[in-house]
Amino acid sequence: MRISLAEWRWAVAVSSLILLAAMAPNLWGYLAAPPGYHYTGLAYAWEDGASYIAKIRQGMQGAWLYTLAYTAEPGPPLFIYWNYLSLGHLAAWLGVEPEIIFHAARLSGGAVLLASLYAWVSRFFERLADRRLAFWLAATGGGFGWLTLTLGHPTADVLQAEIFPFLSVLANAHFPLASAALLWVMDALITPAGAPLTGRQAAQLTLGTLLLASTQAYGLVVAGGVAGLWAVLRWRKERRLPASLVIRLGWVAALA
């Protein structure tokens, strides 16, 4: 797999358009808010988004442990949601509102996901036209949920943002980063059996596993399930398990 500089320029240009589209509903909300009303800054999955803003506010107040905000009985502080608490500390240091840091993190995570996605599809397609088409479909595609939504019946492709790149970027800061981490893990796991991991792939495997384990753990179930199934198929065909894959899966399990 080799990606030329010209390809990356195209990918950056297209990714910028996708990120702008993901920000457009929020910009419209700010512009269209009537006098006397305060726009929350959220347009998609706003129920969850409000809780993320609350976590950032706790970080801005100096907290490194999370206390449940929307309840009459908060309970003990816990070491969880470190990512949004960290964003709160960053927002306090920069002197910006939590909504600003939330959207900046959302777009940054989206940029990482789109770059990882282009590198991923380039692994399987040689022709430039095929790479670009695959990237477009993967980055912006979903299903026909938009059609059933007009009839009042939402489906998974408009509700489950975790599994669609564009919706992930539209939703929050950690969904796109977790999707990118899943691609890193899968890229390292599907390295041809017997081939040693490069330093970059080892870093991908380690960082991707830690990010998934702390933000979207069931992505590890997907990665482990796919790689495990491939190992079983290899065993049925060759009557042996690829030792390198077993070691990589063991490392993922240990980190998780």
Protein backbone atom coordinates (compact mmCIF):
# COMPACT_ATOMS: atom_id res chain seq x y z
CA MET A 1 0.00 0.00 0.00
CA ARG A 2 1.41 3.36 -1.04
CA ILE A 3 -0.49 6.63 -0.82
CA SER A 4 0.96 9.49 -2.83
CA LEU A 5 1.08 13.09 -1.66
CA ALA A 6 -1.47 14.02 -4.32
CA GLU A 7 -3.85 11.38 -2.93
CA TRP A 8 -3.50 12.81 0.57
CA ARG A 9 -4.27 16.29 -0.77
CA TRP A 10 -7.48 14.94 -2.30
CA ALA A 11 -8.36 13.09 0.90
CA VAL A 12 -7.76 16.22 3.00
CA ALA A 13 -9.92 18.34 0.68
CA VAL A 14 -12.79 15.85 0.71
CA SER A 15 -12.47 15.28 4.45
CA SER A 16 -12.67 19.04 5.01
CA LEU A 17 -15.98 19.13 3.12
CA ILE A 18 -17.31 16.22 5.19
CA LEU A 19 -16.29 17.90 8.45
CA LEU A 20 -17.89 21.16 7.31
CA ALA A 21 -21.11 19.28 6.59
CA ALA A 22 -20.93 17.73 10.06
CA MET A 23 -20.65 21.21 11.57
CA ALA A 24 -23.32 22.86 9.42
CA PRO A 25 -26.34 21.92 11.62
CA ASN A 26 -24.62 23.41 14.67
CA LEU A 27 -23.75 26.64 12.86
CA TRP A 28 -27.33 26.91 11.66
CA GLY A 29 -28.57 26.42 15.21
CA TYR A 30 -26.48 29.34 16.46
CA LEU A 31 -27.67 31.58 13.63
CA ALA A 32 -31.34 30.58 13.84
CA ALA A 33 -31.78 30.77 17.63
CA PRO A 34 -34.52 33.37 18.30
CA PRO A 35 -33.87 36.29 20.67
CA GLY A 36 -34.22 35.36 24.33
CA TYR A 37 -33.21 31.73 23.74
CA HIS A 38 -29.87 30.04 24.36
CA TYR A 39 -28.82 27.41 21.82
CA THR A 40 -27.14 24.44 23.48
CA GLY A 41 -24.74 23.93 20.57
CA LEU A 42 -26.05 20.42 19.92
CA ALA A 43 -27.97 19.19 16.88
CA TYR A 44 -27.69 15.40 16.76
CA ALA A 45 -27.91 13.01 19.72
CA TRP A 46 -28.42 16.06 21.91
CA GLU A 47 -29.55 14.01 24.94
CA ASP A 48 -26.16 12.34 25.21
CA GLY A 49 -24.42 15.52 24.10
CA ALA A 50 -25.82 17.42 27.07
CA SER A 51 -24.24 14.88 29.42
CA TYR A 52 -20.86 15.29 27.67
CA ILE A 53 -21.06 19.06 28.10
CA ALA A 54 -21.78 18.47 31.81
CA LYS A 55 -18.68 16.27 32.07
CA ILE A 56 -16.58 18.98 30.42
CA ARG A 57 -17.97 21.53 32.90
CA GLN A 58 -16.91 19.29 35.79
CA GLY A 59 -13.41 19.18 34.34
CA MET A 60 -13.43 22.97 34.05
CA GLN A 61 -14.22 23.09 37.77
CA GLY A 62 -11.07 21.06 38.46
CA ALA A 63 -12.53 17.56 38.78
CA TRP A 64 -10.57 14.49 37.67
CA LEU A 65 -13.27 12.12 38.97
CA TYR A 66 -16.77 12.10 37.52
CA THR A 67 -19.91 12.60 39.60
CA LEU A 68 -23.25 11.84 37.95
CA ALA A 69 -24.76 15.24 37.20
CA TYR A 70 -28.39 14.53 36.33
CA THR A 71 -29.66 12.88 39.50
CA ALA A 72 -30.89 13.82 42.98
CA GLU A 73 -28.45 11.29 44.50
CA PRO A 74 -25.05 11.83 42.85
CA GLY A 75 -23.19 8.92 44.45
CA PRO A 76 -19.40 8.63 44.84
CA PRO A 77 -17.00 10.17 42.29
CA LEU A 78 -15.52 7.63 39.86
CA PHE A 79 -12.52 7.50 37.53
CA ILE A 80 -14.54 7.41 34.32
CA TYR A 81 -15.09 9.70 31.32
CA TRP A 82 -11.48 10.84 31.66
CA ASN A 83 -11.56 12.09 28.07
CA TYR A 84 -14.30 14.66 28.65
CA LEU A 85 -12.94 15.66 32.05
CA SER A 86 -9.58 16.25 30.36
CA LEU A 87 -11.29 18.40 27.74
CA GLY A 88 -12.75 20.41 30.61
CA HIS A 89 -9.31 21.07 32.05
CA LEU A 90 -8.13 22.09 28.57
CA ALA A 91 -11.13 24.42 28.16
CA ALA A 92 -10.40 26.06 31.50
CA TRP A 93 -6.75 26.53 30.56
CA LEU A 94 -7.65 28.05 27.18
CA GLY A 95 -10.48 30.12 28.65
CA VAL A 96 -13.15 28.89 26.19
CA GLU A 97 -16.71 27.66 26.64
CA PRO A 98 -17.32 23.89 26.97
CA GLU A 99 -19.31 23.82 23.72
CA ILE A 100 -16.32 25.20 21.82
CA ILE A 101 -13.92 22.56 23.13
CA PHE A 102 -16.54 19.83 22.54
CA HIS A 103 -16.90 20.70 18.86
CA ALA A 104 -13.16 21.18 18.41
CA ALA A 105 -12.60 17.69 19.83
CA ARG A 106 -15.41 16.30 17.69
CA LEU A 107 -13.91 17.68 14.48
CA SER A 108 -10.39 16.61 15.48
CA GLY A 109 -11.61 13.06 16.12
CA GLY A 110 -13.41 13.16 12.78
CA ALA A 111 -10.21 14.20 11.00
CA VAL A 112 -8.32 11.30 12.58
CA LEU A 113 -11.09 8.88 11.58
CA LEU A 114 -11.22 10.07 7.97
CA ALA A 115 -7.44 9.88 7.58
CA SER A 116 -7.44 6.38 9.08
CA LEU A 117 -10.33 5.40 6.83
CA TYR A 118 -8.52 6.46 3.67
CA ALA A 119 -5.42 4.54 4.72
CA TRP A 120 -7.63 1.51 5.45
CA VAL A 121 -9.42 1.42 2.07
CA SER A 122 -6.09 1.99 0.30
CA ARG A 123 -4.94 -1.30 1.77
CA PHE A 124 -7.50 -3.18 -0.32
CA PHE A 125 -7.73 -1.15 -3.54
CA GLU A 126 -4.90 -0.41 -5.96
CA ARG A 127 -6.68 1.81 -8.49
CA LEU A 128 -7.06 5.43 -7.46
CA ALA A 129 -10.68 5.62 -8.63
CA ASP A 130 -11.57 2.56 -6.57
CA ARG A 131 -9.93 4.02 -3.47
CA ARG A 132 -11.79 7.28 -3.80
CA LEU A 133 -15.15 5.59 -4.37
CA ALA A 134 -14.62 3.25 -1.42
CA PHE A 135 -13.65 6.20 0.78
CA TRP A 136 -16.71 8.21 -0.25
CA LEU A 137 -19.05 5.29 0.42
CA ALA A 138 -17.44 4.41 3.75
CA ALA A 139 -17.23 8.02 4.98
CA THR A 140 -20.70 9.21 4.01
CA GLY A 141 -22.73 6.07 3.33
CA GLY A 142 -25.31 4.45 5.54
CA GLY A 143 -28.59 3.00 4.40
CA PHE A 144 -32.07 4.08 3.42
CA GLY A 145 -32.95 5.22 6.92
CA TRP A 146 -33.41 8.77 5.64
CA LEU A 147 -36.27 7.46 3.50
CA THR A 148 -38.02 5.55 6.28
CA LEU A 149 -37.46 8.54 8.58
CA THR A 150 -39.73 10.62 6.35
CA LEU A 151 -42.42 8.05 7.12
CA GLY A 152 -41.83 8.30 10.85
CA HIS A 153 -39.81 5.09 11.27
CA PRO A 154 -36.16 5.70 12.25
CA THR A 155 -33.77 2.81 11.63
CA ALA A 156 -30.27 1.91 12.78
CA ASP A 157 -28.50 4.03 10.20
CA VAL A 158 -29.95 7.21 11.70
CA LEU A 159 -29.85 6.08 15.32
CA GLN A 160 -26.68 4.01 15.86
CA ALA A 161 -24.01 6.63 15.27
CA GLU A 162 -21.23 4.34 16.52
CA ILE A 163 -21.22 2.26 13.34
CA PHE A 164 -21.38 4.97 10.65
CA PRO A 165 -18.44 7.36 10.21
CA PHE A 166 -20.41 10.48 9.28
CA LEU A 167 -22.92 10.02 12.10
CA SER A 168 -20.02 9.39 14.47
CA VAL A 169 -18.54 12.76 13.59
CA LEU A 170 -21.97 14.36 13.86
CA ALA A 171 -22.59 12.89 17.32
CA ASN A 172 -19.68 13.53 19.68
CA ALA A 173 -15.92 13.53 20.22
CA HIS A 174 -15.23 9.92 21.18
CA PHE A 175 -17.23 7.97 18.58
CA PRO A 176 -15.01 8.93 15.61
CA LEU A 177 -11.84 8.41 17.62
CA ALA A 178 -13.04 4.96 18.72
CA SER A 179 -13.87 4.04 15.11
CA ALA A 180 -10.37 5.10 14.07
CA ALA A 181 -8.93 2.98 16.90
CA LEU A 182 -10.90 -0.02 15.63
CA LEU A 183 -9.31 0.42 12.20
CA TRP A 184 -5.84 0.60 13.80
CA VAL A 185 -6.43 -2.64 15.70
CA MET A 186 -7.83 -4.45 12.67
CA ASP A 187 -4.96 -3.22 10.48
CA ALA A 188 -2.44 -4.71 12.90
CA LEU A 189 -4.36 -7.95 13.36
CA ILE A 190 -4.73 -8.73 9.66
CA THR A 191 -1.03 -8.37 8.91
CA PRO A 192 -0.11 -11.54 7.00
CA ALA A 193 0.56 -14.47 9.30
CA GLY A 194 4.23 -14.92 10.03
CA ALA A 195 5.11 -11.32 9.19
CA PRO A 196 6.46 -9.45 12.22
CA LEU A 197 4.70 -6.32 13.38
CA THR A 198 6.44 -3.08 12.54
CA GLY A 199 6.94 -0.48 15.23
CA ARG A 200 4.08 1.56 13.77
CA GLN A 201 1.71 -1.41 13.78
CA ALA A 202 2.66 -2.31 17.36
CA ALA A 203 1.88 1.27 18.39
CA GLN A 204 -1.42 1.10 16.48
CA LEU A 205 -2.37 -2.14 18.19
CA THR A 206 -1.49 -0.85 21.67
CA LEU A 207 -2.98 2.62 21.40
CA GLY A 208 -6.06 1.42 19.51
CA THR A 209 -6.80 -1.28 22.09
CA LEU A 210 -6.42 1.14 25.01
CA LEU A 211 -8.68 3.72 23.35
CA LEU A 212 -11.36 1.15 22.56
CA ALA A 213 -11.20 -0.38 26.03
CA SER A 214 -11.75 3.01 27.66
CA THR A 215 -14.27 4.57 25.26
CA GLN A 216 -16.11 1.91 23.21
CA ALA A 217 -15.23 -1.51 24.52
CA TYR A 218 -17.52 -3.54 22.28
CA GLY A 219 -15.34 -2.52 19.34
CA LEU A 220 -12.82 -4.97 20.77
CA VAL A 221 -15.48 -7.69 20.54
CA VAL A 222 -15.81 -6.92 16.83
CA ALA A 223 -12.04 -6.91 16.25
CA GLY A 224 -11.47 -10.06 18.31
CA GLY A 225 -14.43 -11.83 16.72
CA VAL A 226 -13.31 -11.14 13.16
CA ALA A 227 -9.66 -12.02 13.84
CA GLY A 228 -10.70 -15.10 15.84
CA LEU A 229 -12.93 -16.33 13.02
CA TRP A 230 -10.09 -15.85 10.56
CA ALA A 231 -7.82 -17.88 12.84
CA VAL A 232 -10.39 -20.70 12.98
CA LEU A 233 -10.69 -20.73 9.19
CA ARG A 234 -6.91 -20.87 8.86
CA TRP A 235 -6.80 -23.76 11.31
CA ARG A 236 -9.46 -25.70 9.39
CA LYS A 237 -7.59 -25.15 6.14
CA GLU A 238 -4.01 -25.68 7.31
CA ARG A 239 -4.48 -27.52 10.64
CA ARG A 240 -2.39 -24.95 12.44
CA LEU A 241 -2.92 -21.59 14.05
CA PRO A 242 -0.86 -18.58 12.95
CA ALA A 243 1.35 -17.98 15.98
CA SER A 244 1.76 -14.28 15.21
CA LEU A 245 -2.01 -13.76 15.21
CA VAL A 246 -2.42 -15.64 18.48
CA ILE A 247 0.25 -13.41 20.07
CA ARG A 248 -1.45 -10.26 18.79
CA LEU A 249 -4.86 -11.38 20.04
CA GLY A 250 -3.31 -12.24 23.40
CA TRP A 251 -1.80 -8.76 23.61
CA VAL A 252 -5.17 -7.19 22.82
CA ALA A 253 -6.87 -9.32 25.49
CA ALA A 254 -4.23 -8.46 28.08
CA LEU A 255 -4.51 -4.72 27.43
CA ALA A 256 -8.31 -4.83 27.39
